[in-house]
Amino acid sequence: MSVPLRNLINLTKILKPKSFRTKLAFYSNEKTDKKDEMNLLKTNPYFEKYEEKLKAVYKENPKTFLENLKNKQPEKIGDGPISDLIESKMEHALNRRKNLDCIMKTEMLNDLPPEEIKNIWSTYMKERSRLSDMLTLDEYSKIRERSKQFNTFLFPLQKDQGFEFILTQWSANECHFTSLINFQAHGENAPSIMSAIYYDDLKDTKKVVLEMVEVDTNTLKMEEAKLLMHLMKLYYLKSEDNDEKYTLMNIFTKKPDEFKHMDIIKQFENDNLNLENFKE
């Protein structure tokens, strides 16, 4: 499968312009006008999918919208690795503690075994078009540790014409996903198209953590959401220290100039993943 060239250009331009100095051509700030900027965005193969949202953002504040498209240096926030340099208003807004008792009466779970709790949780979430899972303490501990090491990463989402890149960012016990074209249009205000939230309220009594995944079904199909969650866990949970996936996250975070976008596509293909396998 081929990766649309425009997505690779956007990837290098949006995430780490200073670090990703590849041979891909960037368009110049000085030689573009509003029409050129809009035409460039429309060349993205996923423009039509987000067209109405993009038009709304442009109408609200054309200057800010076009400014987000330009190949400019992001303001440096610190001197640490990329996970410390990427700051998002989305992260600040969503970095809040959610408790399980906001969703269900936890006192009624006291006498139930974990498997029965999982069944109740799964049924409840499925009725609300949400994905769910239940993790052991060891699994959750590993994901949390990895999320601190690798706060931000990139996943390929399989499409008919290739792959759409999805950016993921962790904020405490939440993992948020957004498309690169959303990030391109909204900058640091990019909305989540999917969020995974982990509730550890039962970790002491039941030794488990419940997972809830909220999906923007106007943007993502459920099988696409399942695939993204599968990818996230392959990297953040199933990978071992210093294996290929761990190494890719490490390079992306600590040595971004050495990161090769095709490597995550190769991993996808090596794992024999197919979107069809995630349909019910």
Protein backbone atom coordinates (compact mmCIF):
# COMPACT_ATOMS: atom_id res chain seq x y z
CA MET A 1 0.00 0.00 0.00
CA SER A 2 1.16 3.49 -0.79
CA VAL A 3 1.16 6.46 1.55
CA PRO A 4 -0.16 9.73 0.05
CA LEU A 5 2.78 12.08 -0.42
CA ARG A 6 0.78 15.04 0.90
CA ASN A 7 0.30 13.27 4.22
CA LEU A 8 4.05 12.82 4.56
CA ILE A 9 4.60 16.49 3.80
CA ASN A 10 1.97 17.46 6.36
CA LEU A 11 3.51 15.11 8.90
CA THR A 12 6.97 16.61 8.63
CA LYS A 13 5.58 20.15 8.55
CA ILE A 14 3.11 19.93 11.40
CA LEU A 15 4.70 17.83 14.10
CA LYS A 16 8.36 18.71 14.23
CA PRO A 17 9.34 21.12 11.44
CA LYS A 18 12.76 21.75 12.95
CA SER A 19 13.66 18.12 13.46
CA PHE A 20 12.16 16.51 10.34
CA ARG A 21 14.37 18.07 7.68
CA THR A 22 13.67 15.48 4.99
CA LYS A 23 13.98 15.78 1.23
CA LEU A 24 10.24 16.35 0.93
CA ALA A 25 9.52 19.83 -0.42
CA PHE A 26 7.89 22.40 1.84
CA TYR A 27 5.91 25.29 0.39
CA SER A 28 7.22 28.75 1.19
CA ASN A 29 5.49 31.17 3.56
CA GLU A 30 6.56 34.18 1.57
CA LYS A 31 5.25 33.01 -1.80
CA THR A 32 1.80 31.81 -0.81
CA ASP A 33 -1.44 33.73 -0.46
CA LYS A 34 -4.81 32.75 0.97
CA LYS A 35 -5.89 31.02 -2.23
CA ASP A 36 -2.66 29.02 -2.36
CA GLU A 37 -3.03 27.98 1.28
CA MET A 38 -6.58 26.76 0.79
CA ASN A 39 -5.70 24.95 -2.43
CA LEU A 40 -2.84 23.21 -0.64
CA LEU A 41 -5.15 21.97 2.09
CA LYS A 42 -7.66 20.72 -0.49
CA THR A 43 -4.99 18.49 -2.02
CA ASN A 44 -5.03 16.41 1.16
CA PRO A 45 -6.87 13.16 0.25
CA TYR A 46 -8.94 13.45 3.44
CA PHE A 47 -10.03 17.08 2.92
CA GLU A 48 -13.55 16.14 1.82
CA LYS A 49 -14.07 14.09 4.99
CA TYR A 50 -13.45 17.14 7.20
CA GLU A 51 -14.57 19.85 4.75
CA GLU A 52 -17.57 21.18 6.71
CA LYS A 53 -15.60 21.40 9.97
CA LEU A 54 -12.73 23.16 8.22
CA LYS A 55 -15.06 25.66 6.57
CA ALA A 56 -16.61 26.47 9.95
CA VAL A 57 -13.19 27.11 11.48
CA TYR A 58 -12.14 29.24 8.52
CA LYS A 59 -15.35 31.30 8.65
CA GLU A 60 -14.93 31.95 12.37
CA ASN A 61 -11.35 33.22 12.08
CA PRO A 62 -9.76 33.10 8.59
CA LYS A 63 -6.50 34.68 9.73
CA THR A 64 -5.90 32.14 12.50
CA PHE A 65 -6.95 29.28 10.25
CA LEU A 66 -4.50 30.22 7.51
CA GLU A 67 -1.77 30.92 10.03
CA ASN A 68 -2.05 27.32 11.24
CA LEU A 69 -1.34 26.10 7.70
CA LYS A 70 1.96 27.90 7.40
CA ASN A 71 5.29 26.17 7.78
CA LYS A 72 6.39 28.13 10.83
CA GLN A 73 8.57 27.30 13.79
CA PRO A 74 6.51 26.29 16.83
CA GLU A 75 7.18 28.16 20.00
CA LYS A 76 9.66 26.18 22.05
CA ILE A 77 8.25 25.25 25.41
CA GLY A 78 11.24 23.56 26.99
CA ASP A 79 14.54 21.89 26.40
CA GLY A 80 13.44 18.27 26.86
CA PRO A 81 12.49 15.59 24.30
CA ILE A 82 9.58 15.98 21.92
CA SER A 83 7.05 14.77 24.51
CA ASP A 84 8.01 17.80 26.59
CA LEU A 85 8.02 20.19 23.65
CA ILE A 86 4.54 19.48 22.33
CA GLU A 87 1.97 21.39 24.36
CA SER A 88 -1.72 21.28 23.61
CA LYS A 89 -4.70 23.21 24.89
CA MET A 90 -6.61 19.98 24.35
CA GLU A 91 -4.36 18.37 26.95
CA HIS A 92 -4.90 21.16 29.47
CA ALA A 93 -8.66 21.10 28.96
CA LEU A 94 -8.93 17.34 29.32
CA ASN A 95 -6.35 16.80 32.03
CA ARG A 96 -8.93 16.23 34.69
CA ARG A 97 -9.68 13.36 36.99
CA LYS A 98 -12.77 11.28 36.15
CA ASN A 99 -14.22 8.90 38.70
CA LEU A 100 -16.06 5.69 37.99
CA ASP A 101 -18.91 6.61 40.34
CA CYS A 102 -19.89 9.34 37.86
CA ILE A 103 -20.93 6.51 35.54
CA MET A 104 -22.10 3.65 37.75
CA LYS A 105 -22.87 2.86 41.38
CA THR A 106 -19.55 1.40 42.42
CA GLU A 107 -20.87 0.21 45.80
CA MET A 108 -23.02 -2.33 43.95
CA LEU A 109 -19.86 -3.94 42.53
CA ASN A 110 -18.42 -4.94 45.90
CA ASP A 111 -19.70 -8.52 45.81
CA LEU A 112 -19.17 -9.14 42.10
CA PRO A 113 -16.16 -10.96 40.64
CA PRO A 114 -14.06 -9.12 38.01
CA GLU A 115 -15.42 -11.11 35.08
CA GLU A 116 -18.99 -10.22 35.93
CA ILE A 117 -18.00 -6.58 36.30
CA LYS A 118 -16.38 -6.77 32.87
CA ASN A 119 -19.57 -8.18 31.33
CA ILE A 120 -21.70 -5.44 32.90
CA TRP A 121 -19.24 -2.75 31.78
CA SER A 122 -19.00 -4.13 28.26
CA THR A 123 -22.78 -4.33 27.84
CA TYR A 124 -23.28 -0.83 29.24
CA MET A 125 -20.66 0.67 26.91
CA LYS A 126 -21.82 -1.20 23.82
CA GLU A 127 -25.36 0.15 24.29
CA ARG A 128 -23.84 3.64 24.17
CA SER A 129 -21.70 3.00 21.07
CA ARG A 130 -18.48 3.02 23.07
CA LEU A 131 -15.64 0.53 23.16
CA SER A 132 -14.49 -0.98 26.43
CA ASP A 133 -12.03 -3.31 28.04
CA MET A 134 -10.76 -4.37 31.45
CA LEU A 135 -7.04 -4.39 32.28
CA THR A 136 -5.11 -6.11 34.99
CA LEU A 137 -3.02 -3.94 37.28
CA ASP A 138 0.15 -5.10 35.54
CA GLU A 139 -1.25 -4.17 32.13
CA TYR A 140 -2.42 -0.77 33.29
CA SER A 141 0.87 -0.10 35.05
CA LYS A 142 2.77 -0.83 31.85
CA ILE A 143 0.54 1.41 29.73
CA ARG A 144 0.84 4.27 32.22
CA GLU A 145 4.61 3.93 32.38
CA ARG A 146 4.89 3.88 28.60
CA SER A 147 2.57 6.87 28.29
CA LYS A 148 4.93 8.85 30.52
CA GLN A 149 7.91 7.77 28.42
CA PHE A 150 6.20 8.35 25.09
CA ASN A 151 3.53 10.99 25.58
CA THR A 152 2.93 11.50 21.87
CA PHE A 153 3.06 9.06 18.98
CA LEU A 154 1.70 8.42 15.52
CA PHE A 155 -0.42 5.56 14.15
CA PRO A 156 -1.34 4.68 10.55
CA LEU A 157 -5.05 4.20 9.89
CA GLN A 158 -5.72 2.00 6.90
CA LYS A 159 -7.78 3.56 4.12
CA ASP A 160 -8.74 2.54 0.59
CA GLN A 161 -6.13 4.83 -0.96
CA GLY A 162 -3.35 4.19 1.57
CA PHE A 163 -3.03 5.38 5.15
CA GLU A 164 -4.24 8.37 7.12
CA PHE A 165 -1.93 9.33 9.97
CA ILE A 166 -3.49 9.69 13.42
CA LEU A 167 -1.72 11.59 16.18
CA THR A 168 -2.17 10.36 19.75
CA GLN A 169 -1.35 12.21 22.94
CA TRP A 170 -1.60 11.11 26.57
CA SER A 171 -2.91 13.24 29.39
CA ALA A 172 -2.79 11.47 32.76
CA ASN A 173 -5.21 8.52 32.51
CA GLU A 174 -6.57 9.56 29.11
CA CYS A 175 -5.35 8.91 25.58
CA HIS A 176 -6.61 11.27 22.87
CA PHE A 177 -6.52 10.73 19.11
CA THR A 178 -6.80 13.35 16.37
CA SER A 179 -6.20 13.28 12.62
CA LEU A 180 -3.29 15.22 11.17
CA ILE A 181 -5.59 17.26 8.96
CA ASN A 182 -7.51 18.32 12.08
CA PHE A 183 -4.22 19.22 13.69
CA GLN A 184 -3.29 21.15 10.58
CA ALA A 185 -6.52 23.16 10.62
CA HIS A 186 -6.93 23.71 14.36
CA GLY A 187 -3.34 23.65 15.57
CA GLU A 188 -3.12 23.10 19.31
CA ASN A 189 -6.93 23.24 19.57
CA ALA A 190 -7.39 20.09 17.48
CA PRO A 191 -10.46 18.16 18.69
CA SER A 192 -10.27 14.51 19.63
CA ILE A 193 -11.84 12.04 17.24
CA MET A 194 -11.45 9.33 19.89
CA SER A 195 -10.54 9.25 23.58
CA ALA A 196 -9.62 6.28 25.77
CA ILE A 197 -10.23 6.86 29.48
CA TYR A 198 -8.99 4.55 32.22
CA TYR A 199 -10.79 4.22 35.56
CA ASP A 200 -8.63 2.81 38.33
CA ASP A 201 -11.23 3.12 41.10
CA LEU A 202 -11.35 -0.67 41.50
CA LYS A 203 -7.61 -1.28 41.51
CA ASP A 204 -7.43 -1.84 45.28
CA THR A 205 -10.59 -3.90 45.73
CA LYS A 206 -10.80 -5.84 42.46
CA LYS A 207 -7.25 -5.49 41.07
CA VAL A 208 -8.58 -4.30 37.71
CA VAL A 209 -8.87 -1.06 35.70
CA LEU A 210 -11.80 -0.32 33.40
CA GLU A 211 -11.32 1.20 29.96
CA MET A 212 -13.89 3.35 28.16
CA VAL A 213 -13.35 4.56 24.58
CA GLU A 214 -15.46 7.44 23.30
CA VAL A 215 -15.62 7.59 19.51
CA ASP A 216 -16.67 10.44 17.23
CA THR A 217 -18.77 8.24 14.94
CA ASN A 218 -19.21 11.12 12.50
CA THR A 219 -15.49 10.87 11.80
CA LEU A 220 -14.49 7.30 12.62
CA LYS A 221 -16.13 3.99 11.85
CA MET A 222 -16.23 1.60 14.79
CA GLU A 223 -13.89 -0.83 13.05
CA GLU A 224 -11.41 2.03 12.57
CA ALA A 225 -11.66 2.87 16.27
CA LYS A 226 -11.04 -0.78 17.16
CA LEU A 227 -8.02 -0.88 14.87
CA LEU A 228 -6.54 2.26 16.45
CA MET A 229 -7.01 0.87 19.95
CA HIS A 230 -5.42 -2.39 18.84
CA LEU A 231 -2.44 -0.46 17.48
CA MET A 232 -2.13 1.60 20.63
CA LYS A 233 -1.95 -1.53 22.76
CA LEU A 234 0.49 -3.24 20.41
CA TYR A 235 2.88 -0.36 21.05
CA TYR A 236 2.10 0.73 24.60
CA LEU A 237 1.24 -2.65 26.13
CA LYS A 238 2.38 -5.62 24.05
CA SER A 239 5.77 -4.35 22.92
CA GLU A 240 8.84 -5.24 24.94
CA ASP A 241 11.75 -3.01 25.84
CA ASN A 242 14.02 -2.48 22.85
CA ASP A 243 11.89 -4.42 20.35
CA GLU A 244 10.99 -2.77 17.03
CA LYS A 245 7.85 -0.98 18.25
CA TYR A 246 9.51 0.25 21.43
CA THR A 247 12.44 1.46 19.36
CA LEU A 248 10.14 3.39 17.03
CA MET A 249 8.48 5.17 19.97
CA ASN A 250 11.87 5.91 21.45
CA ILE A 251 13.20 7.35 18.20
CA PHE A 252 10.04 9.41 17.62
CA THR A 253 10.36 10.89 21.10
CA LYS A 254 14.10 11.28 21.61
CA LYS A 255 15.62 11.31 18.12
CA PRO A 256 12.90 12.71 15.84
CA ASP A 257 15.39 13.56 13.09
CA GLU A 258 16.01 9.80 12.71
CA PHE A 259 12.33 8.83 12.64
CA LYS A 260 11.15 7.37 9.31
CA HIS A 261 7.43 7.50 8.65
CA MET A 262 7.45 4.38 6.49
CA ASP A 263 8.66 2.33 9.45
CA ILE A 264 5.26 2.47 11.15
CA ILE A 265 3.66 1.40 7.85
CA LYS A 266 6.08 -1.53 7.66
CA GLN A 267 5.18 -2.54 11.20
CA PHE A 268 1.50 -2.43 10.28
CA GLU A 269 2.09 -4.72 7.32
CA ASN A 270 4.42 -7.02 9.24
CA ASP A 271 1.67 -7.53 11.81
CA ASN A 272 -0.68 -8.60 8.99
CA LEU A 273 -3.31 -6.12 10.13
CA ASN A 274 -6.39 -5.51 8.03
CA LEU A 275 -9.32 -3.24 8.75
CA GLU A 276 -11.73 -5.98 7.61
CA ASN A 277 -10.72 -8.07 10.63
CA PHE A 278 -12.14 -5.45 13.00
CA LYS A 279 -15.63 -5.39 11.56
CA GLU A 280 -18.36 -7.17 13.47
